[in-house]
Amino acid sequence: MPLAPRVTVVVPCRDDAPFLEACLGALSNQTRVADRVIVVDNGSTDASAAVARRYGADVITEPVIGIWPAAARGYDEAMADADIIARLDADSRPHPDWVARLVRAFVSDPSLGVLTGGAEFYGGTPLQNLLGERWYVGGGHYWIRKWLGIPLVFGSNFAMRTAVWERVRLRVDRGNPRIHDDLDLTIRLRAPDGVRYDPQLRMPVSARPVQTFSGLSRRVGKVVTTFAASWPEGAPWRRIDTSATASREQTAWAPEADDWAAGYGR
């Protein structure tokens, strides 16, 4: 990977213009600005596409409604010229050093393939925000790692090398809008992909998912749907059996010896 890798941020969006405005504003104020921002318009009927264009983002249309179809479409588009594909959602408000932290992590660790972090919920009551951070997202990281052996990739706050997406893009259930896109992606990954969770890489996100019981239960229920759709790939014994194959495949992003400097950006 070059010392100045190209970073493309993918933002799936459907009828979320006010949130998207704040998100893109935060992206434009990064200490290390992304080389490209792709907003995937997933059938919006509001001003989302206009907001994206006003901030200079590339607007890509995905007609199949669902976060996974939209996110995957964005990742495919980013492959053309990105070394690192980063992802957040329209209601994310990245801290000013978010992109810079991603770049430092990937440049300084050639074995790192996917980096994900936690959440800081905003807009809810103190209890809702706490439950969202500790139980909804934090619990997901804990239990998914116990089951799959790698951290859960949190869809509102992660980045991956383009080579990782190239490996799994035809394996994920990208056309299924009824599953968790981030969990489905996690299921397709293996330990040799270099998946790491950084608790200090935190992302402010809206508390909307945890503000109603129906909304929360629907999202938790999608965990079962996602494992069912991908079974048996999500089974621990299956993952152990295929780890050797994944290890052999995981060589595409290793840099040349003169292409990396330890401690870059520290």
C-alpha atoms as a PDB file:
ATOM      1  CA  MET A   1       0.000   0.000   0.000  1.00  0.00           C
ATOM      2  CA  PRO A   2       1.339   3.480  -0.843  1.00  0.00           C
ATOM      3  CA  LEU A   3       2.234   5.874   1.951  1.00  0.00           C
ATOM      4  CA  ALA A   4      -0.605   8.098   0.783  1.00  0.00           C
ATOM      5  CA  PRO A   5      -3.376   5.569   0.109  1.00  0.00           C
ATOM      6  CA  ARG A   6      -6.519   6.684  -1.653  1.00  0.00           C
ATOM      7  CA  VAL A   7      -9.537   6.585   0.633  1.00  0.00           C
ATOM      8  CA  THR A   8     -13.110   6.433  -0.640  1.00  0.00           C
ATOM      9  CA  VAL A   9     -15.974   6.814   1.835  1.00  0.00           C
ATOM     10  CA  VAL A  10     -19.240   5.067   0.981  1.00  0.00           C
ATOM     11  CA  VAL A  11     -22.499   6.409   2.436  1.00  0.00           C
ATOM     12  CA  PRO A  12     -25.718   4.483   1.681  1.00  0.00           C
ATOM     13  CA  CYS A  13     -28.723   6.818   1.968  1.00  0.00           C
ATOM     14  CA  ARG A  14     -32.489   6.693   1.624  1.00  0.00           C
ATOM     15  CA  ASP A  15     -34.630   9.759   2.449  1.00  0.00           C
ATOM     16  CA  ASP A  16     -32.187  11.072   5.053  1.00  0.00           C
ATOM     17  CA  ALA A  17     -31.272  14.521   3.723  1.00  0.00           C
ATOM     18  CA  PRO A  18     -30.993  16.360   7.109  1.00  0.00           C
ATOM     19  CA  PHE A  19     -28.760  13.658   8.593  1.00  0.00           C
ATOM     20  CA  LEU A  20     -26.750  13.394   5.378  1.00  0.00           C
ATOM     21  CA  GLU A  21     -26.094  17.137   5.457  1.00  0.00           C
ATOM     22  CA  ALA A  22     -24.484  16.847   8.906  1.00  0.00           C
ATOM     23  CA  CYS A  23     -22.562  13.718   7.892  1.00  0.00           C
ATOM     24  CA  LEU A  24     -21.061  15.236   4.753  1.00  0.00           C
ATOM     25  CA  GLY A  25     -20.297  18.433   6.618  1.00  0.00           C
ATOM     26  CA  ALA A  26     -18.274  16.424   9.132  1.00  0.00           C
ATOM     27  CA  LEU A  27     -16.494  14.567   6.314  1.00  0.00           C
ATOM     28  CA  SER A  28     -15.541  17.847   4.647  1.00  0.00           C
ATOM     29  CA  ASN A  29     -13.923  19.029   7.895  1.00  0.00           C
ATOM     30  CA  GLN A  30     -11.625  16.038   8.369  1.00  0.00           C
ATOM     31  CA  THR A  31      -7.974  16.654   9.186  1.00  0.00           C
ATOM     32  CA  ARG A  32      -7.260  14.219   6.347  1.00  0.00           C
ATOM     33  CA  VAL A  33     -10.036  14.615   3.788  1.00  0.00           C
ATOM     34  CA  ALA A  34     -11.161  11.515   1.897  1.00  0.00           C
ATOM     35  CA  ASP A  35     -10.108  11.359  -1.741  1.00  0.00           C
ATOM     36  CA  ARG A  36     -13.640  10.542  -2.782  1.00  0.00           C
ATOM     37  CA  VAL A  37     -17.086  10.319  -1.182  1.00  0.00           C
ATOM     38  CA  ILE A  38     -19.765   8.139  -2.754  1.00  0.00           C
ATOM     39  CA  VAL A  39     -23.373   8.576  -1.691  1.00  0.00           C
ATOM     40  CA  VAL A  40     -25.523   5.672  -2.829  1.00  0.00           C
ATOM     41  CA  ASP A  41     -29.038   7.009  -3.363  1.00  0.00           C
ATOM     42  CA  ASN A  42     -31.346   4.109  -2.560  1.00  0.00           C
ATOM     43  CA  GLY A  43     -34.584   5.399  -4.074  1.00  0.00           C
ATOM     44  CA  SER A  44     -34.793   8.633  -2.084  1.00  0.00           C
ATOM     45  CA  THR A  45     -37.763  10.936  -2.638  1.00  0.00           C
ATOM     46  CA  ASP A  46     -36.321  13.819  -0.625  1.00  0.00           C
ATOM     47  CA  ALA A  47     -33.337  16.108  -1.268  1.00  0.00           C
ATOM     48  CA  SER A  48     -30.667  13.521  -0.361  1.00  0.00           C
ATOM     49  CA  ALA A  49     -29.109  13.436  -3.845  1.00  0.00           C
ATOM     50  CA  ALA A  50     -29.063  17.242  -4.066  1.00  0.00           C
ATOM     51  CA  VAL A  51     -27.394  17.508  -0.660  1.00  0.00           C
ATOM     52  CA  ALA A  52     -24.746  14.985  -1.722  1.00  0.00           C
ATOM     53  CA  ARG A  53     -23.943  16.851  -4.922  1.00  0.00           C
ATOM     54  CA  ARG A  54     -23.728  20.150  -3.068  1.00  0.00           C
ATOM     55  CA  TYR A  55     -20.923  18.674  -0.958  1.00  0.00           C
ATOM     56  CA  GLY A  56     -19.120  17.336  -4.013  1.00  0.00           C
ATOM     57  CA  ALA A  57     -19.974  13.676  -3.447  1.00  0.00           C
ATOM     58  CA  ASP A  58     -20.464  11.277  -6.335  1.00  0.00           C
ATOM     59  CA  VAL A  59     -24.086  10.124  -6.374  1.00  0.00           C
ATOM     60  CA  ILE A  60     -24.685   6.515  -7.444  1.00  0.00           C
ATOM     61  CA  THR A  61     -28.198   5.112  -7.751  1.00  0.00           C
ATOM     62  CA  GLU A  62     -29.155   1.655  -6.489  1.00  0.00           C
ATOM     63  CA  PRO A  63     -32.745   0.739  -7.392  1.00  0.00           C
ATOM     64  CA  VAL A  64     -32.940  -2.378  -5.185  1.00  0.00           C
ATOM     65  CA  ILE A  65     -34.134  -1.071  -1.834  1.00  0.00           C
ATOM     66  CA  GLY A  66     -32.078  -2.170   1.153  1.00  0.00           C
ATOM     67  CA  ILE A  67     -28.907  -1.220   2.982  1.00  0.00           C
ATOM     68  CA  TRP A  68     -26.961  -4.237   1.706  1.00  0.00           C
ATOM     69  CA  PRO A  69     -27.753  -3.684  -1.987  1.00  0.00           C
ATOM     70  CA  ALA A  70     -26.906   0.012  -1.573  1.00  0.00           C
ATOM     71  CA  ALA A  71     -23.692  -0.540   0.404  1.00  0.00           C
ATOM     72  CA  ALA A  72     -22.427  -3.251  -1.954  1.00  0.00           C
ATOM     73  CA  ARG A  73     -23.104  -1.019  -4.956  1.00  0.00           C
ATOM     74  CA  GLY A  74     -21.004   1.676  -3.322  1.00  0.00           C
ATOM     75  CA  TYR A  75     -18.143  -0.706  -2.561  1.00  0.00           C
ATOM     76  CA  ASP A  76     -18.137  -1.907  -6.163  1.00  0.00           C
ATOM     77  CA  GLU A  77     -17.943   1.670  -7.406  1.00  0.00           C
ATOM     78  CA  ALA A  78     -15.117   2.474  -4.972  1.00  0.00           C
ATOM     79  CA  MET A  79     -12.964  -0.420  -6.199  1.00  0.00           C
ATOM     80  CA  ALA A  80     -11.931   1.482  -9.316  1.00  0.00           C
ATOM     81  CA  ASP A  81      -9.548   3.901  -7.612  1.00  0.00           C
ATOM     82  CA  ALA A  82      -9.463   3.269  -3.850  1.00  0.00           C
ATOM     83  CA  ASP A  83      -6.869   1.539  -1.693  1.00  0.00           C
ATOM     84  CA  ILE A  84      -9.124   1.801   1.357  1.00  0.00           C
ATOM     85  CA  ILE A  85     -12.925   1.659   1.265  1.00  0.00           C
ATOM     86  CA  ALA A  86     -14.426   3.325   4.333  1.00  0.00           C
ATOM     87  CA  ARG A  87     -18.076   3.136   5.324  1.00  0.00           C
ATOM     88  CA  LEU A  88     -20.446   5.092   7.509  1.00  0.00           C
ATOM     89  CA  ASP A  89     -24.158   5.872   7.415  1.00  0.00           C
ATOM     90  CA  ALA A  90     -26.062   9.066   6.699  1.00  0.00           C
ATOM     91  CA  ASP A  91     -26.715   9.579  10.412  1.00  0.00           C
ATOM     92  CA  SER A  92     -23.030   9.159  11.314  1.00  0.00           C
ATOM     93  CA  ARG A  93     -21.076  12.244  12.345  1.00  0.00           C
ATOM     94  CA  PRO A  94     -17.393  11.320  12.162  1.00  0.00           C
ATOM     95  CA  HIS A  95     -14.904  12.959  14.475  1.00  0.00           C
ATOM     96  CA  PRO A  96     -12.428  15.262  12.641  1.00  0.00           C
ATOM     97  CA  ASP A  97      -9.623  12.688  12.807  1.00  0.00           C
ATOM     98  CA  TRP A  98     -11.649   9.667  11.646  1.00  0.00           C
ATOM     99  CA  VAL A  99     -10.135   9.342   8.156  1.00  0.00           C
ATOM    100  CA  ALA A 100      -6.652  10.149   9.453  1.00  0.00           C
ATOM    101  CA  ARG A 101      -6.906   7.397  12.076  1.00  0.00           C
ATOM    102  CA  LEU A 102      -7.944   4.910   9.415  1.00  0.00           C
ATOM    103  CA  VAL A 103      -5.033   5.815   7.167  1.00  0.00           C
ATOM    104  CA  ARG A 104      -2.497   5.604  10.008  1.00  0.00           C
ATOM    105  CA  ALA A 105      -3.781   2.183  11.031  1.00  0.00           C
ATOM    106  CA  PHE A 106      -3.642   0.635   7.572  1.00  0.00           C
ATOM    107  CA  VAL A 107      -0.298   2.117   6.568  1.00  0.00           C
ATOM    108  CA  SER A 108       1.389   1.113   9.805  1.00  0.00           C
ATOM    109  CA  ASP A 109       0.067  -2.471   9.819  1.00  0.00           C
ATOM    110  CA  PRO A 110       0.293  -4.398   6.525  1.00  0.00           C
ATOM    111  CA  SER A 111      -1.572  -7.351   8.074  1.00  0.00           C
ATOM    112  CA  LEU A 112      -4.637  -5.217   8.780  1.00  0.00           C
ATOM    113  CA  GLY A 113      -7.454  -5.885   6.328  1.00  0.00           C
ATOM    114  CA  VAL A 114     -10.538  -4.530   8.098  1.00  0.00           C
ATOM    115  CA  LEU A 115     -10.712  -1.986  10.906  1.00  0.00           C
ATOM    116  CA  THR A 116     -13.905  -1.329  12.828  1.00  0.00           C
ATOM    117  CA  GLY A 117     -14.831   0.618  15.934  1.00  0.00           C
ATOM    118  CA  GLY A 118     -17.634   1.443  18.337  1.00  0.00           C
ATOM    119  CA  ALA A 119     -20.446   3.946  18.617  1.00  0.00           C
ATOM    120  CA  GLU A 120     -21.395   7.075  20.502  1.00  0.00           C
ATOM    121  CA  PHE A 121     -25.171   7.414  20.270  1.00  0.00           C
ATOM    122  CA  TYR A 122     -26.753  10.855  20.109  1.00  0.00           C
ATOM    123  CA  GLY A 123     -30.332  12.075  20.055  1.00  0.00           C
ATOM    124  CA  GLY A 124     -31.751   9.660  22.613  1.00  0.00           C
ATOM    125  CA  THR A 125     -32.184   9.745  26.351  1.00  0.00           C
ATOM    126  CA  PRO A 126     -29.075   9.041  28.440  1.00  0.00           C
ATOM    127  CA  LEU A 127     -30.396   5.523  29.062  1.00  0.00           C
ATOM    128  CA  GLN A 128     -31.116   4.894  25.380  1.00  0.00           C
ATOM    129  CA  ASN A 129     -27.686   6.145  24.375  1.00  0.00           C
ATOM    130  CA  LEU A 130     -26.014   3.960  26.995  1.00  0.00           C
ATOM    131  CA  LEU A 131     -27.987   0.858  26.025  1.00  0.00           C
ATOM    132  CA  GLY A 132     -27.176   1.490  22.378  1.00  0.00           C
ATOM    133  CA  GLU A 133     -23.456   1.780  22.989  1.00  0.00           C
ATOM    134  CA  ARG A 134     -23.030  -0.951  25.605  1.00  0.00           C
ATOM    135  CA  TRP A 135     -25.776  -3.475  24.792  1.00  0.00           C
ATOM    136  CA  TYR A 136     -26.713  -3.069  21.118  1.00  0.00           C
ATOM    137  CA  VAL A 137     -23.315  -2.346  19.546  1.00  0.00           C
ATOM    138  CA  GLY A 138     -21.058  -3.455  22.397  1.00  0.00           C
ATOM    139  CA  GLY A 139     -22.986  -6.693  22.884  1.00  0.00           C
ATOM    140  CA  GLY A 140     -22.834  -7.374  19.170  1.00  0.00           C
ATOM    141  CA  HIS A 141     -19.052  -7.019  19.166  1.00  0.00           C
ATOM    142  CA  TYR A 142     -18.739  -9.345  22.171  1.00  0.00           C
ATOM    143  CA  TRP A 143     -21.074 -12.170  21.115  1.00  0.00           C
ATOM    144  CA  ILE A 144     -20.234 -12.192  17.429  1.00  0.00           C
ATOM    145  CA  ARG A 145     -16.556 -12.460  18.236  1.00  0.00           C
ATOM    146  CA  LYS A 146     -17.324 -15.351  20.576  1.00  0.00           C
ATOM    147  CA  TRP A 147     -19.200 -17.154  17.796  1.00  0.00           C
ATOM    148  CA  LEU A 148     -17.250 -16.250  14.654  1.00  0.00           C
ATOM    149  CA  GLY A 149     -13.784 -15.754  16.114  1.00  0.00           C
ATOM    150  CA  ILE A 150     -13.444 -12.241  14.658  1.00  0.00           C
ATOM    151  CA  PRO A 151     -14.977  -8.893  15.672  1.00  0.00           C
ATOM    152  CA  LEU A 152     -18.304  -7.775  14.266  1.00  0.00           C
ATOM    153  CA  VAL A 153     -17.823  -5.273  11.450  1.00  0.00           C
ATOM    154  CA  PHE A 154     -19.930  -2.281  12.544  1.00  0.00           C
ATOM    155  CA  GLY A 155     -21.516  -0.879   9.385  1.00  0.00           C
ATOM    156  CA  SER A 156     -21.561   2.714  10.613  1.00  0.00           C
ATOM    157  CA  ASN A 157     -17.857   2.774  11.379  1.00  0.00           C
ATOM    158  CA  PHE A 158     -15.387   0.622   9.486  1.00  0.00           C
ATOM    159  CA  ALA A 159     -12.912   0.502   6.629  1.00  0.00           C
ATOM    160  CA  MET A 160     -11.404  -2.308   4.578  1.00  0.00           C
ATOM    161  CA  ARG A 161      -8.723  -2.709   1.994  1.00  0.00           C
ATOM    162  CA  THR A 162     -10.063  -2.954  -1.513  1.00  0.00           C
ATOM    163  CA  ALA A 163      -8.478  -6.409  -1.787  1.00  0.00           C
ATOM    164  CA  VAL A 164     -10.758  -7.669   0.981  1.00  0.00           C
ATOM    165  CA  TRP A 165     -13.877  -6.578  -0.860  1.00  0.00           C
ATOM    166  CA  GLU A 166     -12.530  -8.085  -4.093  1.00  0.00           C
ATOM    167  CA  ARG A 167     -12.284 -11.431  -2.292  1.00  0.00           C
ATOM    168  CA  VAL A 168     -15.738 -11.511  -0.734  1.00  0.00           C
ATOM    169  CA  ARG A 169     -17.908  -9.385  -3.040  1.00  0.00           C
ATOM    170  CA  LEU A 170     -19.344 -12.382  -4.891  1.00  0.00           C
ATOM    171  CA  ARG A 171     -19.828 -14.380  -1.684  1.00  0.00           C
ATOM    172  CA  VAL A 172     -21.919 -11.954   0.327  1.00  0.00           C
ATOM    173  CA  ASP A 173     -25.723 -11.995   0.093  1.00  0.00           C
ATOM    174  CA  ARG A 174     -25.669  -8.511  -1.390  1.00  0.00           C
ATOM    175  CA  GLY A 175     -29.134  -8.597  -2.906  1.00  0.00           C
ATOM    176  CA  ASN A 176     -30.939  -9.517   0.307  1.00  0.00           C
ATOM    177  CA  PRO A 177     -32.459  -6.428   1.995  1.00  0.00           C
ATOM    178  CA  ARG A 178     -33.789  -8.449   4.950  1.00  0.00           C
ATOM    179  CA  ILE A 179     -30.437  -9.154   6.577  1.00  0.00           C
ATOM    180  CA  HIS A 180     -27.783  -7.168   8.435  1.00  0.00           C
ATOM    181  CA  ASP A 181     -25.245  -6.093   5.827  1.00  0.00           C
ATOM    182  CA  ASP A 182     -22.446  -5.722   8.368  1.00  0.00           C
ATOM    183  CA  LEU A 183     -23.091  -9.121   9.958  1.00  0.00           C
ATOM    184  CA  ASP A 184     -23.295 -10.817   6.560  1.00  0.00           C
ATOM    185  CA  LEU A 185     -19.963  -9.258   5.607  1.00  0.00           C
ATOM    186  CA  THR A 186     -18.451 -10.406   8.909  1.00  0.00           C
ATOM    187  CA  ILE A 187     -19.628 -13.967   8.288  1.00  0.00           C
ATOM    188  CA  ARG A 188     -17.782 -14.028   4.949  1.00  0.00           C
ATOM    189  CA  LEU A 189     -14.523 -12.853   6.528  1.00  0.00           C
ATOM    190  CA  ARG A 190     -11.918 -15.027   8.221  1.00  0.00           C
ATOM    191  CA  ALA A 191      -9.140 -14.442  10.727  1.00  0.00           C
ATOM    192  CA  PRO A 192      -6.459 -14.221   7.985  1.00  0.00           C
ATOM    193  CA  ASP A 193      -8.346 -11.210   6.592  1.00  0.00           C
ATOM    194  CA  GLY A 194      -6.904  -9.232   9.498  1.00  0.00           C
ATOM    195  CA  VAL A 195     -10.113  -7.968  11.108  1.00  0.00           C
ATOM    196  CA  ARG A 196      -9.459  -5.684  14.085  1.00  0.00           C
ATOM    197  CA  TYR A 197     -11.702  -3.844  16.512  1.00  0.00           C
ATOM    198  CA  ASP A 198     -10.355  -0.558  17.901  1.00  0.00           C
ATOM    199  CA  PRO A 199     -12.408   0.631  20.905  1.00  0.00           C
ATOM    200  CA  GLN A 200     -10.885   4.115  20.502  1.00  0.00           C
ATOM    201  CA  LEU A 201     -12.243   4.432  16.949  1.00  0.00           C
ATOM    202  CA  ARG A 202     -15.684   5.716  17.899  1.00  0.00           C
ATOM    203  CA  MET A 203     -18.449   7.066  15.711  1.00  0.00           C
ATOM    204  CA  PRO A 204     -21.322   9.333  16.782  1.00  0.00           C
ATOM    205  CA  VAL A 205     -24.511   7.787  15.362  1.00  0.00           C
ATOM    206  CA  SER A 206     -28.199   8.481  15.805  1.00  0.00           C
ATOM    207  CA  ALA A 207     -30.014   6.645  18.591  1.00  0.00           C
ATOM    208  CA  ARG A 208     -32.929   5.938  16.233  1.00  0.00           C
ATOM    209  CA  PRO A 209     -32.363   2.138  16.267  1.00  0.00           C
ATOM    210  CA  VAL A 210     -32.814   1.930  20.056  1.00  0.00           C
ATOM    211  CA  GLN A 211     -35.528   4.534  20.630  1.00  0.00           C
ATOM    212  CA  THR A 212     -38.471   2.189  20.078  1.00  0.00           C
ATOM    213  CA  PHE A 213     -38.953  -1.416  21.127  1.00  0.00           C
ATOM    214  CA  SER A 214     -40.296  -2.387  17.706  1.00  0.00           C
ATOM    215  CA  GLY A 215     -37.313  -0.890  15.919  1.00  0.00           C
ATOM    216  CA  LEU A 216     -34.817  -2.531  18.248  1.00  0.00           C
ATOM    217  CA  SER A 217     -36.517  -5.939  18.147  1.00  0.00           C
ATOM    218  CA  ARG A 218     -36.652  -5.814  14.345  1.00  0.00           C
ATOM    219  CA  ARG A 219     -32.923  -5.190  14.139  1.00  0.00           C
ATOM    220  CA  VAL A 220     -32.088  -7.874  16.687  1.00  0.00           C
ATOM    221  CA  GLY A 221     -34.359 -10.294  14.821  1.00  0.00           C
ATOM    222  CA  LYS A 222     -32.332  -9.710  11.667  1.00  0.00           C
ATOM    223  CA  VAL A 223     -29.406 -11.438  13.368  1.00  0.00           C
ATOM    224  CA  VAL A 224     -31.295 -14.741  13.155  1.00  0.00           C
ATOM    225  CA  THR A 225     -32.342 -14.016   9.573  1.00  0.00           C
ATOM    226  CA  THR A 226     -28.761 -13.235   8.579  1.00  0.00           C
ATOM    227  CA  PHE A 227     -27.309 -16.412  10.062  1.00  0.00           C
ATOM    228  CA  ALA A 228     -30.108 -18.455   8.494  1.00  0.00           C
ATOM    229  CA  ALA A 229     -29.493 -16.939   5.051  1.00  0.00           C
ATOM    230  CA  SER A 230     -25.747 -17.619   5.216  1.00  0.00           C
ATOM    231  CA  TRP A 231     -25.835 -21.019   6.933  1.00  0.00           C
ATOM    232  CA  PRO A 232     -23.666 -23.054   7.205  1.00  0.00           C
ATOM    233  CA  GLU A 233     -20.928 -20.512   6.484  1.00  0.00           C
ATOM    234  CA  GLY A 234     -21.553 -18.850   9.838  1.00  0.00           C
ATOM    235  CA  ALA A 235     -21.040 -22.104  11.739  1.00  0.00           C
ATOM    236  CA  PRO A 236     -17.837 -22.137  13.852  1.00  0.00           C
ATOM    237  CA  TRP A 237     -16.799 -25.569  12.580  1.00  0.00           C
ATOM    238  CA  ARG A 238     -17.231 -24.444   8.992  1.00  0.00           C
ATOM    239  CA  ARG A 239     -15.017 -21.428   9.601  1.00  0.00           C
ATOM    240  CA  ILE A 240     -12.254 -23.558  11.071  1.00  0.00           C
ATOM    241  CA  ASP A 241     -12.418 -25.912   8.066  1.00  0.00           C
ATOM    242  CA  THR A 242     -12.010 -23.057   5.584  1.00  0.00           C
ATOM    243  CA  SER A 243      -9.394 -20.988   7.423  1.00  0.00           C
ATOM    244  CA  ALA A 244      -6.505 -22.537   5.492  1.00  0.00           C
ATOM    245  CA  THR A 245      -8.100 -21.596   2.168  1.00  0.00           C
ATOM    246  CA  ALA A 246      -8.683 -18.040   3.350  1.00  0.00           C
ATOM    247  CA  SER A 247      -5.076 -17.803   4.484  1.00  0.00           C
ATOM    248  CA  ARG A 248      -3.825 -18.784   1.035  1.00  0.00           C
ATOM    249  CA  GLU A 249      -6.067 -16.180  -0.596  1.00  0.00           C
ATOM    250  CA  GLN A 250      -5.087 -13.381   1.744  1.00  0.00           C
ATOM    251  CA  THR A 251      -1.962 -12.082   0.029  1.00  0.00           C
ATOM    252  CA  ALA A 252      -3.154  -9.430  -2.404  1.00  0.00           C
ATOM    253  CA  TRP A 253      -2.540  -6.330  -0.312  1.00  0.00           C
ATOM    254  CA  ALA A 254       0.895  -7.116   1.139  1.00  0.00           C
ATOM    255  CA  PRO A 255       3.110  -4.120   0.257  1.00  0.00           C
ATOM    256  CA  GLU A 256       6.586  -4.159  -1.144  1.00  0.00           C
ATOM    257  CA  ALA A 257       9.346  -3.690   1.392  1.00  0.00           C
ATOM    258  CA  ASP A 258       9.989  -0.092   0.307  1.00  0.00           C
ATOM    259  CA  ASP A 259       6.260   0.729   0.208  1.00  0.00           C
ATOM    260  CA  TRP A 260       5.734   0.977   3.953  1.00  0.00           C
ATOM    261  CA  ALA A 261       7.343   2.914   6.761  1.00  0.00           C
ATOM    262  CA  ALA A 262       6.758   1.762  10.327  1.00  0.00           C
ATOM    263  CA  GLY A 263       5.168   4.386  12.531  1.00  0.00           C
ATOM    264  CA  TYR A 264       3.846   6.447   9.634  1.00  0.00           C
ATOM    265  CA  GLY A 265       1.797   9.365  10.842  1.00  0.00           C
ATOM    266  CA  ARG A 266       2.503   8.838  14.529  1.00  0.00           C
END
